[in-house]
Protein backbone atom coordinates (compact mmCIF):
# COMPACT_ATOMS: atom_id res chain seq x y z
CA MET A 1 -96.09 235.15 -145.29
CA THR A 2 -96.89 238.79 -144.74
CA ASP A 3 -97.38 240.47 -141.49
CA THR A 4 -101.09 241.05 -142.34
CA GLN A 5 -101.79 237.43 -142.71
CA PRO A 6 -100.95 235.21 -139.77
CA THR A 7 -98.92 232.07 -140.34
CA ARG A 8 -101.11 228.96 -140.28
CA LEU A 9 -100.31 225.28 -139.84
CA SER A 10 -102.40 222.15 -140.41
CA LEU A 11 -103.54 220.06 -137.47
CA ASP A 12 -101.51 217.10 -138.74
CA THR A 13 -98.29 219.30 -138.66
CA VAL A 14 -99.16 220.62 -135.26
CA CYS A 15 -99.58 217.06 -133.96
CA ALA A 16 -96.19 216.08 -135.44
CA ILE A 17 -94.15 218.99 -134.24
CA THR A 18 -95.66 218.96 -130.65
CA GLU A 19 -95.84 215.25 -130.15
CA THR A 20 -99.50 215.72 -129.08
CA SER A 21 -102.44 213.71 -130.42
CA LYS A 22 -105.25 215.03 -132.59
CA SER A 23 -107.79 214.23 -129.87
CA THR A 24 -105.82 216.33 -127.37
CA TRP A 25 -105.60 219.23 -129.81
CA ARG A 26 -109.30 218.94 -130.66
CA ARG A 27 -110.14 218.99 -126.98
CA ARG A 28 -107.97 222.04 -126.47
CA ILE A 29 -109.61 223.80 -129.46
CA ALA A 30 -113.09 222.91 -128.12
CA LYS A 31 -112.20 224.45 -124.72
CA GLY A 32 -111.17 227.71 -126.48
CA GLU A 33 -107.54 227.32 -125.51
CA PHE A 34 -106.50 227.50 -129.26
CA THR A 35 -108.01 229.19 -132.30
CA ARG A 36 -109.14 226.93 -135.16
CA LEU A 37 -109.02 228.82 -138.36
CA ALA A 38 -111.01 228.12 -141.53
CA ASP A 39 -109.88 224.89 -143.28
CA ASP A 40 -107.40 225.30 -146.06
CA ALA A 41 -107.99 224.48 -149.71
CA ARG A 42 -107.21 220.81 -149.07
CA GLY A 43 -109.78 220.67 -146.26
CA ARG A 44 -107.24 220.61 -143.48
CA ALA A 45 -108.00 222.07 -140.09
CA MET A 46 -105.63 225.10 -139.46
CA LEU A 47 -104.18 226.63 -136.33
CA LEU A 48 -102.19 229.72 -135.67
CA TRP A 49 -98.30 229.44 -135.58
CA SER A 50 -98.15 231.99 -132.82
CA GLU A 51 -100.34 229.90 -130.59
CA VAL A 52 -98.64 226.55 -131.43
CA ALA A 53 -95.02 227.74 -131.48
CA PRO A 54 -94.52 227.55 -127.58
CA HIS A 55 -95.56 223.89 -127.67
CA ILE A 56 -93.14 222.61 -130.30
CA CYS A 57 -91.07 219.71 -128.94
CA VAL A 58 -87.74 220.90 -130.28
CA ARG A 59 -85.99 224.21 -130.18
CA LEU A 60 -86.32 225.95 -133.60
CA ALA A 61 -84.23 228.79 -134.86
CA PRO A 62 -86.21 231.69 -136.25
CA GLU A 63 -85.33 230.66 -139.85
CA ASP A 64 -86.78 227.26 -139.16
CA LYS A 65 -90.31 228.65 -139.17
CA GLN A 66 -90.32 228.95 -142.99
CA MET A 67 -89.11 225.31 -143.18
CA VAL A 68 -92.09 224.16 -141.11
CA VAL A 69 -94.47 226.15 -143.20
CA LEU A 70 -93.04 224.73 -146.41
CA ALA A 71 -93.03 221.19 -144.99
CA ASP A 72 -96.73 221.68 -144.02
CA ALA A 73 -97.45 222.80 -147.65
CA GLY A 74 -95.96 219.54 -148.99
CA HIS A 75 -92.41 220.48 -150.10
CA ALA A 76 -90.40 217.35 -149.98
CA GLU A 77 -87.07 219.09 -149.36
CA ALA A 78 -88.37 220.96 -146.35
CA GLN A 79 -90.00 217.76 -145.06
CA ASP A 80 -86.68 215.93 -145.36
CA ASP A 81 -84.87 218.78 -143.60
CA LEU A 82 -87.49 218.86 -140.86
CA GLY A 83 -87.10 215.09 -140.49
CA GLN A 84 -83.41 215.47 -140.01
CA LEU A 85 -83.89 218.21 -137.43
CA PHE A 86 -86.23 215.89 -135.38
CA LEU A 87 -83.84 212.95 -135.88
CA MET A 88 -80.90 214.92 -134.45
CA SER A 89 -83.04 216.02 -131.59
CA GLU A 90 -83.88 212.33 -130.94
CA LYS A 91 -87.67 212.95 -131.57
CA TYR A 92 -87.84 209.87 -133.67
CA PRO A 93 -91.60 209.50 -134.31
CA ALA A 94 -91.70 213.06 -135.70
CA ALA A 95 -88.59 212.33 -137.82
CA VAL A 96 -90.31 209.25 -139.28
CA TYR A 97 -93.43 211.25 -139.98
CA TRP A 98 -91.55 213.88 -142.05
CA PHE A 99 -89.26 211.41 -143.76
CA GLY A 100 -92.37 209.33 -144.67
CA LEU A 101 -94.09 212.36 -146.27
CA ALA A 102 -91.02 213.24 -148.33
CA ALA A 103 -90.32 209.57 -149.29
CA GLN A 104 -93.85 209.32 -150.67
CA GLN A 105 -92.75 212.06 -153.05
CA ASN A 106 -89.67 210.05 -154.11
CA HIS A 107 -87.21 212.18 -152.23
CA PRO A 108 -84.10 209.93 -152.11
CA ASP A 109 -82.53 211.44 -149.02
CA ALA A 110 -85.76 210.99 -147.06
CA MET A 111 -85.98 207.43 -148.31
CA GLN A 112 -82.46 206.68 -147.05
CA TRP A 113 -83.23 208.22 -143.65
CA LEU A 114 -86.51 206.48 -143.41
CA GLY A 115 -84.71 203.23 -144.20
CA HIS A 116 -82.20 203.99 -141.46
CA CYS A 117 -85.06 204.56 -138.97
CA HIS A 118 -86.71 201.27 -139.82
CA LEU A 119 -83.35 199.37 -139.72
CA ASN A 120 -82.50 200.76 -136.36
CA GLY A 121 -85.90 200.97 -134.71
CA LYS A 122 -85.90 204.69 -134.33
CA GLY A 123 -89.46 206.06 -134.10
CA VAL A 124 -90.90 202.73 -135.47
CA ALA A 125 -90.45 199.03 -134.58
CA ALA A 126 -87.27 197.70 -136.18
CA ASP A 127 -88.04 196.15 -139.54
CA GLU A 128 -85.16 195.01 -141.68
CA ASN A 129 -87.31 194.24 -144.70
CA LEU A 130 -89.00 197.66 -144.74
CA GLY A 131 -85.68 199.45 -143.96
CA LEU A 132 -83.90 197.69 -146.79
CA MET A 133 -86.75 198.53 -149.16
CA TRP A 134 -86.44 202.20 -148.42
CA VAL A 135 -82.68 202.14 -148.70
CA ALA A 136 -82.92 200.21 -152.02
CA LYS A 137 -85.39 202.71 -153.38
CA ALA A 138 -83.05 205.55 -152.40
CA ALA A 139 -80.13 203.71 -154.07
CA ALA A 140 -82.13 203.22 -157.26
CA LEU A 141 -82.72 206.99 -157.36
CA GLY A 142 -79.05 207.62 -157.13
CA HIS A 143 -78.53 208.29 -153.44
CA VAL A 144 -74.79 207.76 -152.95
CA ILE A 145 -74.95 206.72 -149.24
CA ALA A 146 -77.80 204.30 -150.00
CA GLN A 147 -75.93 202.81 -152.88
CA ARG A 148 -72.88 202.22 -150.72
CA LEU A 149 -74.95 200.61 -148.00
CA MET A 150 -76.67 198.36 -150.52
CA LYS A 151 -73.32 197.35 -152.06
CA ALA A 152 -71.95 196.46 -148.62
CA LEU A 153 -75.02 194.47 -147.70
CA ILE A 154 -74.95 192.59 -150.99
CA GLY A 155 -71.24 191.91 -150.48
CA ALA A 156 -71.84 190.71 -146.88
CA ARG A 157 -74.62 188.39 -147.95
CA ALA A 158 -72.54 186.99 -150.85
CA GLY A 159 -69.77 186.22 -148.33
CA CYS A 160 -72.24 184.41 -146.08
CA SER A 161 -73.53 182.37 -149.02
CA ALA A 162 -70.05 181.43 -150.08
CA ALA A 163 -69.25 180.34 -146.48
CA VAL A 164 -72.43 178.25 -146.20
CA ASN A 165 -71.81 176.64 -149.55
CA GLY A 166 -68.17 175.79 -148.62
CA ARG A 167 -66.62 178.19 -151.15
């Protein structure tokens, strides 16, 4: 982004990084508290970074601004990185949001982390089936941690079956 063109973020991204609902943001825009810019090429409502930045729910380093902009633009790697930043800050719903966007683009690391969130109830209700599905997808795409987890789970279940069947 150049200095002549202000940095813009979509309303969806603003909601995710501020932990504030769309209705609240729309109300604030309607009151004139924030500037709504022209919609982007994808028809998304856009806001100014400079107005939104003080409301972000985690502390960002100056270099993180570009990661947020890339994540907003749809870059899976930046979305995964942003998900990890929110996960480490214990802002679980935001982490799940970003991991979900990257996982939809077949990003294995995001799939593994999304599975972790579902398995452990971080940012979503705990759901073993959904968690295992995401971890299995990550493993199928070659994610080493996910592969090890799946191998351990399969081994544990095989051991339980053998015990139940008297083997």
